[in-house]
Amino acid sequence: MSAPPDEGLVELWTSEQARLRQQLVEEDTEDWQRSPLFSGLERVGGVDLSFIKGDDVNACAQLVVLSYPDLELLYENSQMVTLTAPYIAGFLAFRETPFLFEALQRLEKNDPKLMPQVVFVDGNGLFHYREFGLACHLGVLSGLPCVGVAKNLLQVQGVHKSEEHQSQIAALQKGGDSFPLTATSGKVLGKALRSSDKSSKPVYVSVGHKISLDTAVRLTHSCCRYRVPEPIRQLGGERGGASFSLSSSSSSSSSSSRD
C-alpha cells in the first residue's frame, strides 16, 4: 500500500499551480490559428515521457517535430532521465514537465529554426481537477501554444464514463465529430474527438496554452492519420522504434488518464 501524499508538498504544488494558472491563455494568439487551413503553420511538436516497463523512476523524455501539413519527421530527441518527484494525482506536471521543458530548451539552443509553433502533449490541459494539467503547465513555462490530447478519460469535475457518455461516443459518426466535456459548473473543459474514420474510440482534447478549444480540436483532427495525432504517435514509445521496451507514460504509479 503506497504512503499518503505529503501534505506540505500538496499545499506547495497547489499554490504553484494557482500562480501559474493566472498566466494561462485560453484563446488563439497566432495568425495561423485563425486560418481555415492553418496557413503559416510549418512545424508541429509532440512530447511525452515513456517508462521502461516495470520501472517508474527511469524514463525517456521524448520530443519530435514534424512538418505541417505533410507530417514528416524534422527532428527527434530522446533523453534518459531519472524522476525524483513523487506521483500525486492531479500533480503529474511537477513530476514530468521539467524534463519535457528541458527537451524544448535543448532544441531552442541547438537548432532554433526547428522549434515547433505548437506542441501536442500526451496528457490533459484545462480538462483537469484544477483546470491546469500537464499541457497547461508546459505551455505556460515554455510560452508555446500547447494542446492536451489524452487517450483515456480523466473522470473529473462531474465528467464520468456514464451511459450518457458512452452514448455520446457511439453518436460520433466520422472523423472530426466531437462533443463537449462539460463540468458541473457548466464550463466546457475539453472535447471528446473522433479523430479518425478508422477508430471509433475518441481522444480527449483540451486547451494547453495560447489556443482556443475549437482550434485545438480542429488542429488535432488535421494531424491524425490514425486515432492518435502524429506528433504524439511518432514518439519512440508509440512507434516502437526504441531499442528497449517502452510503455508510454504508464508506470505503475502514474495516472493512465495523464492528469
C-alpha atoms as a PDB file:
ATOM      1  CA  MET A   1       0.000   0.000   0.000  1.00  0.00           C
ATOM      2  CA  SER A   2       1.508   3.363  -1.042  1.00  0.00           C
ATOM      3  CA  ALA A   3       2.163   6.063   1.528  1.00  0.00           C
ATOM      4  CA  PRO A   4      -0.248   9.024   1.633  1.00  0.00           C
ATOM      5  CA  PRO A   5       0.989  12.130  -0.182  1.00  0.00           C
ATOM      6  CA  ASP A   6       2.976  14.657   1.804  1.00  0.00           C
ATOM      7  CA  GLU A   7       0.514  17.380   2.857  1.00  0.00           C
ATOM      8  CA  GLY A   8       3.146  20.102   2.737  1.00  0.00           C
ATOM      9  CA  LEU A   9       4.121  19.155  -0.801  1.00  0.00           C
ATOM     10  CA  VAL A  10       0.496  19.074  -1.935  1.00  0.00           C
ATOM     11  CA  GLU A  11      -0.061  22.538  -0.446  1.00  0.00           C
ATOM     12  CA  LEU A  12       3.079  23.871  -2.152  1.00  0.00           C
ATOM     13  CA  TRP A  13       2.177  22.400  -5.537  1.00  0.00           C
ATOM     14  CA  THR A  14      -1.430  23.598  -5.277  1.00  0.00           C
ATOM     15  CA  SER A  15      -0.198  27.124  -4.648  1.00  0.00           C
ATOM     16  CA  GLU A  16       2.247  26.926  -7.574  1.00  0.00           C
ATOM     17  CA  GLN A  17      -0.473  25.637  -9.907  1.00  0.00           C
ATOM     18  CA  ALA A  18      -2.703  28.545  -8.914  1.00  0.00           C
ATOM     19  CA  ARG A  19       0.113  31.019  -9.548  1.00  0.00           C
ATOM     20  CA  LEU A  20       0.905  29.631 -12.996  1.00  0.00           C
ATOM     21  CA  ARG A  21      -2.811  29.313 -13.782  1.00  0.00           C
ATOM     22  CA  GLN A  22      -3.067  33.105 -13.744  1.00  0.00           C
ATOM     23  CA  GLN A  23      -0.764  33.234 -16.789  1.00  0.00           C
ATOM     24  CA  LEU A  24      -2.812  30.763 -18.843  1.00  0.00           C
ATOM     25  CA  VAL A  25      -4.203  31.975 -22.173  1.00  0.00           C
ATOM     26  CA  GLU A  26      -7.273  30.085 -23.423  1.00  0.00           C
ATOM     27  CA  GLU A  27      -7.678  31.758 -26.794  1.00  0.00           C
ATOM     28  CA  ASP A  28      -5.963  31.903 -30.188  1.00  0.00           C
ATOM     29  CA  THR A  29      -2.888  34.104 -30.234  1.00  0.00           C
ATOM     30  CA  GLU A  30      -1.243  33.258 -33.589  1.00  0.00           C
ATOM     31  CA  ASP A  31      -2.291  34.228 -37.108  1.00  0.00           C
ATOM     32  CA  TRP A  32      -2.081  30.636 -38.364  1.00  0.00           C
ATOM     33  CA  GLN A  33      -4.667  29.561 -35.786  1.00  0.00           C
ATOM     34  CA  ARG A  34      -7.271  31.793 -37.418  1.00  0.00           C
ATOM     35  CA  SER A  35      -6.689  30.397 -40.907  1.00  0.00           C
ATOM     36  CA  PRO A  36      -9.140  27.721 -42.130  1.00  0.00           C
ATOM     37  CA  LEU A  37      -6.183  25.651 -43.418  1.00  0.00           C
ATOM     38  CA  PHE A  38      -3.690  26.806 -40.765  1.00  0.00           C
ATOM     39  CA  SER A  39      -1.753  28.815 -43.336  1.00  0.00           C
ATOM     40  CA  GLY A  40       1.618  29.770 -41.867  1.00  0.00           C
ATOM     41  CA  LEU A  41       1.895  26.696 -39.655  1.00  0.00           C
ATOM     42  CA  GLU A  42       5.008  24.762 -40.680  1.00  0.00           C
ATOM     43  CA  ARG A  43       6.172  22.821 -37.599  1.00  0.00           C
ATOM     44  CA  VAL A  44       4.204  20.845 -35.004  1.00  0.00           C
ATOM     45  CA  GLY A  45       5.788  19.185 -31.995  1.00  0.00           C
ATOM     46  CA  GLY A  46       4.953  16.306 -29.706  1.00  0.00           C
ATOM     47  CA  VAL A  47       6.269  15.447 -26.229  1.00  0.00           C
ATOM     48  CA  ASP A  48       5.910  12.548 -23.865  1.00  0.00           C
ATOM     49  CA  LEU A  49       7.681  10.698 -21.090  1.00  0.00           C
ATOM     50  CA  SER A  50       7.915   6.945 -21.642  1.00  0.00           C
ATOM     51  CA  PHE A  51       8.824   4.464 -18.966  1.00  0.00           C
ATOM     52  CA  ILE A  52      10.785   1.243 -19.153  1.00  0.00           C
ATOM     53  CA  LYS A  53       8.244  -1.410 -18.223  1.00  0.00           C
ATOM     54  CA  GLY A  54       8.378  -2.252 -14.545  1.00  0.00           C
ATOM     55  CA  ASP A  55      10.360   0.895 -13.686  1.00  0.00           C
ATOM     56  CA  ASP A  56       8.575   4.079 -12.592  1.00  0.00           C
ATOM     57  CA  VAL A  57      11.740   6.079 -11.847  1.00  0.00           C
ATOM     58  CA  ASN A  58      13.826   5.842 -15.014  1.00  0.00           C
ATOM     59  CA  ALA A  59      12.158   7.195 -18.140  1.00  0.00           C
ATOM     60  CA  CYS A  60      12.771   8.515 -21.629  1.00  0.00           C
ATOM     61  CA  ALA A  61      11.848  12.158 -22.293  1.00  0.00           C
ATOM     62  CA  GLN A  62      10.932  12.471 -25.956  1.00  0.00           C
ATOM     63  CA  LEU A  63      10.386  15.341 -28.372  1.00  0.00           C
ATOM     64  CA  VAL A  64       9.582  15.175 -32.059  1.00  0.00           C
ATOM     65  CA  VAL A  65       8.973  17.976 -34.546  1.00  0.00           C
ATOM     66  CA  LEU A  66       7.054  17.277 -37.752  1.00  0.00           C
ATOM     67  CA  SER A  67       6.463  19.349 -40.841  1.00  0.00           C
ATOM     68  CA  TYR A  68       2.944  20.627 -41.391  1.00  0.00           C
ATOM     69  CA  PRO A  69       0.787  19.715 -43.239  1.00  0.00           C
ATOM     70  CA  ASP A  70       2.866  16.756 -44.529  1.00  0.00           C
ATOM     71  CA  LEU A  71       3.636  15.461 -41.015  1.00  0.00           C
ATOM     72  CA  GLU A  72       7.138  14.342 -41.972  1.00  0.00           C
ATOM     73  CA  LEU A  73       9.784  13.990 -39.265  1.00  0.00           C
ATOM     74  CA  LEU A  74      12.099  17.017 -38.987  1.00  0.00           C
ATOM     75  CA  TYR A  75      13.640  16.408 -35.568  1.00  0.00           C
ATOM     76  CA  GLU A  76      13.602  13.849 -32.798  1.00  0.00           C
ATOM     77  CA  ASN A  77      15.338  13.703 -29.450  1.00  0.00           C
ATOM     78  CA  SER A  78      15.235  11.147 -26.656  1.00  0.00           C
ATOM     79  CA  GLN A  79      16.939  11.564 -23.310  1.00  0.00           C
ATOM     80  CA  MET A  80      17.024   9.077 -20.442  1.00  0.00           C
ATOM     81  CA  VAL A  81      16.055  10.790 -17.187  1.00  0.00           C
ATOM     82  CA  THR A  82      15.599   9.876 -13.547  1.00  0.00           C
ATOM     83  CA  LEU A  83      12.426  11.119 -11.898  1.00  0.00           C
ATOM     84  CA  THR A  84      12.740  12.327  -8.326  1.00  0.00           C
ATOM     85  CA  ALA A  85       9.350  13.929  -7.649  1.00  0.00           C
ATOM     86  CA  PRO A  86       6.621  11.579  -6.422  1.00  0.00           C
ATOM     87  CA  TYR A  87       3.473  10.881  -8.411  1.00  0.00           C
ATOM     88  CA  ILE A  88       0.475  12.553  -6.770  1.00  0.00           C
ATOM     89  CA  ALA A  89      -2.877  12.533  -8.581  1.00  0.00           C
ATOM     90  CA  GLY A  90      -3.558  15.923 -10.124  1.00  0.00           C
ATOM     91  CA  PHE A  91       0.092  16.976  -9.981  1.00  0.00           C
ATOM     92  CA  LEU A  92       1.649  14.914 -12.774  1.00  0.00           C
ATOM     93  CA  ALA A  93       3.181  18.066 -14.266  1.00  0.00           C
ATOM     94  CA  PHE A  94       5.546  18.515 -11.323  1.00  0.00           C
ATOM     95  CA  ARG A  95       6.925  15.032 -11.977  1.00  0.00           C
ATOM     96  CA  GLU A  96       7.256  15.228 -15.768  1.00  0.00           C
ATOM     97  CA  THR A  97       7.245  18.831 -17.049  1.00  0.00           C
ATOM     98  CA  PRO A  98      10.858  19.686 -16.091  1.00  0.00           C
ATOM     99  CA  PHE A  99      12.182  17.034 -18.485  1.00  0.00           C
ATOM    100  CA  LEU A 100       9.806  17.939 -21.322  1.00  0.00           C
ATOM    101  CA  PHE A 101      10.644  21.627 -20.920  1.00  0.00           C
ATOM    102  CA  GLU A 102      14.371  20.789 -20.991  1.00  0.00           C
ATOM    103  CA  ALA A 103      13.867  18.946 -24.297  1.00  0.00           C
ATOM    104  CA  LEU A 104      12.350  22.085 -25.817  1.00  0.00           C
ATOM    105  CA  GLN A 105      15.127  24.227 -24.376  1.00  0.00           C
ATOM    106  CA  ARG A 106      17.788  21.958 -25.905  1.00  0.00           C
ATOM    107  CA  LEU A 107      16.204  22.329 -29.321  1.00  0.00           C
ATOM    108  CA  GLU A 108      15.898  26.093 -28.968  1.00  0.00           C
ATOM    109  CA  LYS A 109      19.593  26.292 -28.084  1.00  0.00           C
ATOM    110  CA  ASN A 110      20.905  23.849 -30.701  1.00  0.00           C
ATOM    111  CA  ASP A 111      18.617  24.392 -33.688  1.00  0.00           C
ATOM    112  CA  PRO A 112      16.116  27.217 -33.066  1.00  0.00           C
ATOM    113  CA  LYS A 113      14.804  27.203 -36.649  1.00  0.00           C
ATOM    114  CA  LEU A 114      13.223  23.805 -35.906  1.00  0.00           C
ATOM    115  CA  MET A 115      11.314  24.982 -32.824  1.00  0.00           C
ATOM    116  CA  PRO A 116       7.670  23.878 -33.069  1.00  0.00           C
ATOM    117  CA  GLN A 117       4.963  26.513 -33.425  1.00  0.00           C
ATOM    118  CA  VAL A 118       2.603  24.352 -31.378  1.00  0.00           C
ATOM    119  CA  VAL A 119       3.208  21.364 -29.106  1.00  0.00           C
ATOM    120  CA  PHE A 120       0.940  18.345 -28.652  1.00  0.00           C
ATOM    121  CA  VAL A 121       1.209  16.936 -25.131  1.00  0.00           C
ATOM    122  CA  ASP A 122       0.285  13.352 -24.319  1.00  0.00           C
ATOM    123  CA  GLY A 123      -1.966  14.335 -21.436  1.00  0.00           C
ATOM    124  CA  ASN A 124      -4.603  16.772 -20.286  1.00  0.00           C
ATOM    125  CA  GLY A 125      -4.613  20.555 -20.267  1.00  0.00           C
ATOM    126  CA  LEU A 126      -7.602  22.523 -18.996  1.00  0.00           C
ATOM    127  CA  PHE A 127      -9.500  19.261 -18.504  1.00  0.00           C
ATOM    128  CA  HIS A 128      -8.133  18.753 -15.000  1.00  0.00           C
ATOM    129  CA  TYR A 129      -9.075  18.877 -11.321  1.00  0.00           C
ATOM    130  CA  ARG A 130      -7.978  22.499 -11.010  1.00  0.00           C
ATOM    131  CA  GLU A 131      -8.071  23.331 -14.744  1.00  0.00           C
ATOM    132  CA  PHE A 132      -4.281  23.246 -15.057  1.00  0.00           C
ATOM    133  CA  GLY A 133      -2.942  19.916 -16.275  1.00  0.00           C
ATOM    134  CA  LEU A 134       0.339  18.871 -17.853  1.00  0.00           C
ATOM    135  CA  ALA A 135      -0.273  20.624 -21.200  1.00  0.00           C
ATOM    136  CA  CYS A 136      -1.118  23.922 -19.449  1.00  0.00           C
ATOM    137  CA  HIS A 137       1.932  23.705 -17.206  1.00  0.00           C
ATOM    138  CA  LEU A 138       4.301  23.097 -20.130  1.00  0.00           C
ATOM    139  CA  GLY A 139       2.626  25.796 -22.198  1.00  0.00           C
ATOM    140  CA  VAL A 140       2.970  28.497 -19.558  1.00  0.00           C
ATOM    141  CA  LEU A 141       6.594  27.595 -18.816  1.00  0.00           C
ATOM    142  CA  SER A 142       7.615  27.411 -22.492  1.00  0.00           C
ATOM    143  CA  GLY A 143       5.410  30.221 -23.785  1.00  0.00           C
ATOM    144  CA  LEU A 144       4.404  27.989 -26.714  1.00  0.00           C
ATOM    145  CA  PRO A 145       0.877  27.135 -27.838  1.00  0.00           C
ATOM    146  CA  CYS A 146       0.103  23.678 -26.436  1.00  0.00           C
ATOM    147  CA  VAL A 147      -2.696  21.157 -26.941  1.00  0.00           C
ATOM    148  CA  GLY A 148      -3.509  18.392 -24.473  1.00  0.00           C
ATOM    149  CA  VAL A 149      -4.542  15.084 -26.043  1.00  0.00           C
ATOM    150  CA  ALA A 150      -5.366  12.237 -23.667  1.00  0.00           C
ATOM    151  CA  LYS A 151      -6.116   8.691 -24.768  1.00  0.00           C
ATOM    152  CA  ASN A 152      -8.187   7.919 -21.670  1.00  0.00           C
ATOM    153  CA  LEU A 153     -10.916   9.889 -19.930  1.00  0.00           C
ATOM    154  CA  LEU A 154      -9.925  11.676 -16.735  1.00  0.00           C
ATOM    155  CA  GLN A 155     -13.077  11.438 -14.620  1.00  0.00           C
ATOM    156  CA  VAL A 156     -13.126  14.877 -13.089  1.00  0.00           C
ATOM    157  CA  GLN A 157     -15.443  17.805 -12.341  1.00  0.00           C
ATOM    158  CA  GLY A 158     -18.591  15.790 -12.965  1.00  0.00           C
ATOM    159  CA  VAL A 159     -17.462  14.138 -16.211  1.00  0.00           C
ATOM    160  CA  HIS A 160     -17.732  10.357 -15.882  1.00  0.00           C
ATOM    161  CA  LYS A 161     -17.790   7.220 -18.004  1.00  0.00           C
ATOM    162  CA  SER A 162     -21.566   7.158 -17.693  1.00  0.00           C
ATOM    163  CA  GLU A 163     -24.136   5.608 -20.013  1.00  0.00           C
ATOM    164  CA  GLU A 164     -24.737   9.086 -21.402  1.00  0.00           C
ATOM    165  CA  HIS A 165     -21.013   9.492 -22.125  1.00  0.00           C
ATOM    166  CA  GLN A 166     -20.914   6.129 -23.895  1.00  0.00           C
ATOM    167  CA  SER A 167     -23.966   7.014 -25.966  1.00  0.00           C
ATOM    168  CA  GLN A 168     -22.332  10.305 -26.979  1.00  0.00           C
ATOM    169  CA  ILE A 169     -19.279   8.360 -28.145  1.00  0.00           C
ATOM    170  CA  ALA A 170     -21.494   5.994 -30.135  1.00  0.00           C
ATOM    171  CA  ALA A 171     -23.083   9.011 -31.851  1.00  0.00           C
ATOM    172  CA  LEU A 172     -19.736  10.166 -33.276  1.00  0.00           C
ATOM    173  CA  GLN A 173     -20.195   9.057 -36.873  1.00  0.00           C
ATOM    174  CA  LYS A 174     -16.983  10.140 -38.607  1.00  0.00           C
ATOM    175  CA  GLY A 175     -13.543  11.623 -38.074  1.00  0.00           C
ATOM    176  CA  GLY A 176     -13.836  15.217 -36.903  1.00  0.00           C
ATOM    177  CA  ASP A 177     -17.058  14.688 -34.935  1.00  0.00           C
ATOM    178  CA  SER A 178     -16.841  15.735 -31.294  1.00  0.00           C
ATOM    179  CA  PHE A 179     -18.849  16.542 -28.191  1.00  0.00           C
ATOM    180  CA  PRO A 180     -18.065  18.819 -25.225  1.00  0.00           C
ATOM    181  CA  LEU A 181     -16.769  17.678 -21.846  1.00  0.00           C
ATOM    182  CA  THR A 182     -18.813  19.900 -19.567  1.00  0.00           C
ATOM    183  CA  ALA A 183     -18.067  20.336 -15.866  1.00  0.00           C
ATOM    184  CA  THR A 184     -20.781  20.543 -13.243  1.00  0.00           C
ATOM    185  CA  SER A 185     -20.128  24.303 -13.221  1.00  0.00           C
ATOM    186  CA  GLY A 186     -21.275  24.430 -16.850  1.00  0.00           C
ATOM    187  CA  LYS A 187     -17.806  25.271 -18.201  1.00  0.00           C
ATOM    188  CA  VAL A 188     -16.626  23.263 -21.206  1.00  0.00           C
ATOM    189  CA  LEU A 189     -13.200  21.906 -20.252  1.00  0.00           C
ATOM    190  CA  GLY A 190     -12.457  19.948 -23.412  1.00  0.00           C
ATOM    191  CA  LYS A 191     -13.940  17.822 -26.161  1.00  0.00           C
ATOM    192  CA  ALA A 192     -14.098  14.134 -26.984  1.00  0.00           C
ATOM    193  CA  LEU A 193     -12.976  13.867 -30.601  1.00  0.00           C
ATOM    194  CA  ARG A 194     -13.398  11.018 -33.040  1.00  0.00           C
ATOM    195  CA  SER A 195     -10.062  11.717 -34.632  1.00  0.00           C
ATOM    196  CA  SER A 196     -10.185   9.208 -37.480  1.00  0.00           C
ATOM    197  CA  ASP A 197     -12.724   7.309 -39.535  1.00  0.00           C
ATOM    198  CA  LYS A 198     -10.596   4.242 -38.759  1.00  0.00           C
ATOM    199  CA  SER A 199     -11.177   4.373 -34.996  1.00  0.00           C
ATOM    200  CA  SER A 200     -14.452   4.749 -33.108  1.00  0.00           C
ATOM    201  CA  LYS A 201     -12.627   5.332 -29.803  1.00  0.00           C
ATOM    202  CA  PRO A 202     -12.196   9.078 -29.194  1.00  0.00           C
ATOM    203  CA  VAL A 203      -9.288  11.070 -27.853  1.00  0.00           C
ATOM    204  CA  TYR A 204      -9.845  13.800 -25.284  1.00  0.00           C
ATOM    205  CA  VAL A 205      -8.655  17.237 -26.391  1.00  0.00           C
ATOM    206  CA  SER A 206      -8.223  20.255 -24.154  1.00  0.00           C
ATOM    207  CA  VAL A 207      -6.554  23.647 -24.254  1.00  0.00           C
ATOM    208  CA  GLY A 208      -2.962  23.706 -23.083  1.00  0.00           C
ATOM    209  CA  HIS A 209      -1.975  27.333 -23.681  1.00  0.00           C
ATOM    210  CA  LYS A 210      -2.362  30.084 -26.287  1.00  0.00           C
ATOM    211  CA  ILE A 211      -5.026  28.283 -28.337  1.00  0.00           C
ATOM    212  CA  SER A 212      -8.817  28.066 -28.275  1.00  0.00           C
ATOM    213  CA  LEU A 213     -10.599  24.769 -27.772  1.00  0.00           C
ATOM    214  CA  ASP A 214     -12.220  24.804 -31.229  1.00  0.00           C
ATOM    215  CA  THR A 215      -8.859  25.446 -32.873  1.00  0.00           C
ATOM    216  CA  ALA A 216      -7.200  22.755 -30.756  1.00  0.00           C
ATOM    217  CA  VAL A 217      -9.820  20.206 -31.845  1.00  0.00           C
ATOM    218  CA  ARG A 218      -9.592  21.223 -35.499  1.00  0.00           C
ATOM    219  CA  LEU A 219      -5.786  21.056 -35.435  1.00  0.00           C
ATOM    220  CA  THR A 220      -5.767  17.698 -33.659  1.00  0.00           C
ATOM    221  CA  HIS A 221      -8.047  16.215 -36.307  1.00  0.00           C
ATOM    222  CA  SER A 222      -5.878  17.618 -39.098  1.00  0.00           C
ATOM    223  CA  CYS A 223      -2.821  15.895 -37.578  1.00  0.00           C
ATOM    224  CA  CYS A 224      -4.445  12.459 -37.319  1.00  0.00           C
ATOM    225  CA  ARG A 225      -3.784   9.675 -39.795  1.00  0.00           C
ATOM    226  CA  TYR A 226      -4.949   7.202 -37.182  1.00  0.00           C
ATOM    227  CA  ARG A 227      -6.533   7.651 -33.749  1.00  0.00           C
ATOM    228  CA  VAL A 228      -3.592   9.429 -32.061  1.00  0.00           C
ATOM    229  CA  PRO A 229      -2.253  12.631 -33.658  1.00  0.00           C
ATOM    230  CA  GLU A 230       1.043  12.094 -35.462  1.00  0.00           C
ATOM    231  CA  PRO A 231       3.175  14.372 -33.246  1.00  0.00           C
ATOM    232  CA  ILE A 232       2.353  12.015 -30.349  1.00  0.00           C
ATOM    233  CA  ARG A 233       2.105   8.775 -32.333  1.00  0.00           C
ATOM    234  CA  GLN A 234       5.544   9.261 -33.862  1.00  0.00           C
ATOM    235  CA  LEU A 235       7.239   9.470 -30.486  1.00  0.00           C
ATOM    236  CA  GLY A 236       9.513   6.477 -29.900  1.00  0.00           C
ATOM    237  CA  GLY A 237       7.196   4.726 -27.461  1.00  0.00           C
ATOM    238  CA  GLU A 238       4.293   4.910 -29.906  1.00  0.00           C
ATOM    239  CA  ARG A 239       6.248   3.792 -32.966  1.00  0.00           C
ATOM    240  CA  GLY A 240       8.028   1.038 -31.102  1.00  0.00           C
ATOM    241  CA  GLY A 241      11.269   2.331 -32.571  1.00  0.00           C
ATOM    242  CA  ALA A 242      13.238   2.482 -29.353  1.00  0.00           C
ATOM    243  CA  SER A 243      15.842  -0.159 -28.662  1.00  0.00           C
ATOM    244  CA  PHE A 244      14.221  -1.089 -25.371  1.00  0.00           C
ATOM    245  CA  SER A 245      10.647  -1.795 -24.376  1.00  0.00           C
ATOM    246  CA  LEU A 246       8.835   1.439 -23.547  1.00  0.00           C
ATOM    247  CA  SER A 247       5.413   1.983 -22.106  1.00  0.00           C
ATOM    248  CA  SER A 248       4.144   5.462 -22.881  1.00  0.00           C
ATOM    249  CA  SER A 249       3.689   7.222 -19.535  1.00  0.00           C
ATOM    250  CA  SER A 250       2.204   4.120 -17.947  1.00  0.00           C
ATOM    251  CA  SER A 251       4.353   3.466 -14.916  1.00  0.00           C
ATOM    252  CA  SER A 252       2.575   1.731 -12.075  1.00  0.00           C
ATOM    253  CA  SER A 253       2.312   4.983 -10.153  1.00  0.00           C
ATOM    254  CA  SER A 254       1.268   7.278 -12.997  1.00  0.00           C
ATOM    255  CA  SER A 255      -2.295   8.001 -13.966  1.00  0.00           C
ATOM    256  CA  SER A 256      -3.395   6.358 -17.206  1.00  0.00           C
ATOM    257  CA  SER A 257      -5.546   9.434 -17.770  1.00  0.00           C
ATOM    258  CA  ARG A 258      -2.476  11.714 -17.730  1.00  0.00           C
ATOM    259  CA  ASP A 259      -3.555  14.257 -15.100  1.00  0.00           C
END
